[in-house]
Amino acid sequence: MIGEPRAQKIIVCNAPIVEGAVMAATEASGGASLREVVATAHELSPS
């Protein structure tokens, strides 16, 4: 639905929605790479 150029920049993580979104935005605005943002989101994932 999104299209190929943008689809590679989207990753769905198993993390709480609000907390995950806030942490991802904070990490990304600080210059973190996509891999680092995903790693932070995975830290919030329920076990």
Protein backbone atom coordinates (compact mmCIF):
# COMPACT_ATOMS: atom_id res chain seq x y z
CA MET A 1 0.00 0.00 0.00
CA ILE A 2 2.80 2.43 0.81
CA GLY A 3 5.01 1.82 -2.18
CA GLU A 4 8.48 0.40 -2.51
CA PRO A 5 10.71 3.42 -1.76
CA ARG A 6 9.06 4.08 1.59
CA ALA A 7 8.22 0.49 2.50
CA GLN A 8 11.85 -0.28 3.34
CA LYS A 9 11.85 2.47 5.98
CA ILE A 10 8.91 1.05 7.92
CA ILE A 11 9.29 -1.59 10.61
CA VAL A 12 6.46 -2.81 12.83
CA CYS A 13 7.65 -3.57 16.35
CA ASN A 14 5.96 -5.46 19.14
CA ALA A 15 6.06 -2.61 21.66
CA PRO A 16 3.50 -0.58 23.62
CA ILE A 17 1.96 1.96 21.23
CA VAL A 18 2.32 5.19 23.21
CA GLU A 19 5.60 4.42 24.95
CA GLY A 20 7.08 2.93 21.79
CA ALA A 21 6.07 5.92 19.67
CA VAL A 22 7.51 8.39 22.17
CA MET A 23 10.78 6.49 22.52
CA ALA A 24 11.10 6.02 18.75
CA ALA A 25 10.50 9.73 18.12
CA THR A 26 13.00 10.68 20.81
CA GLU A 27 15.66 8.34 19.44
CA ALA A 28 15.10 9.39 15.83
CA SER A 29 15.15 13.11 16.63
CA GLY A 30 18.46 12.58 18.40
CA GLY A 31 19.98 11.23 15.20
CA ALA A 32 19.75 7.50 15.93
CA SER A 33 19.69 5.09 13.00
CA LEU A 34 16.64 3.00 12.19
CA ARG A 35 18.42 -0.04 13.64
CA GLU A 36 18.98 1.81 16.96
CA VAL A 37 15.37 2.98 17.09
CA VAL A 38 14.14 -0.59 16.53
CA ALA A 39 16.47 -1.88 19.26
CA THR A 40 15.03 0.64 21.71
CA ALA A 41 11.49 -0.38 20.80
CA HIS A 42 12.33 -4.04 21.33
CA GLU A 43 13.57 -3.20 24.83
CA LEU A 44 10.01 -2.07 25.63
CA SER A 45 8.44 -5.24 24.22
CA PRO A 46 6.49 -7.37 26.64
CA SER A 47 8.16 -10.70 27.33
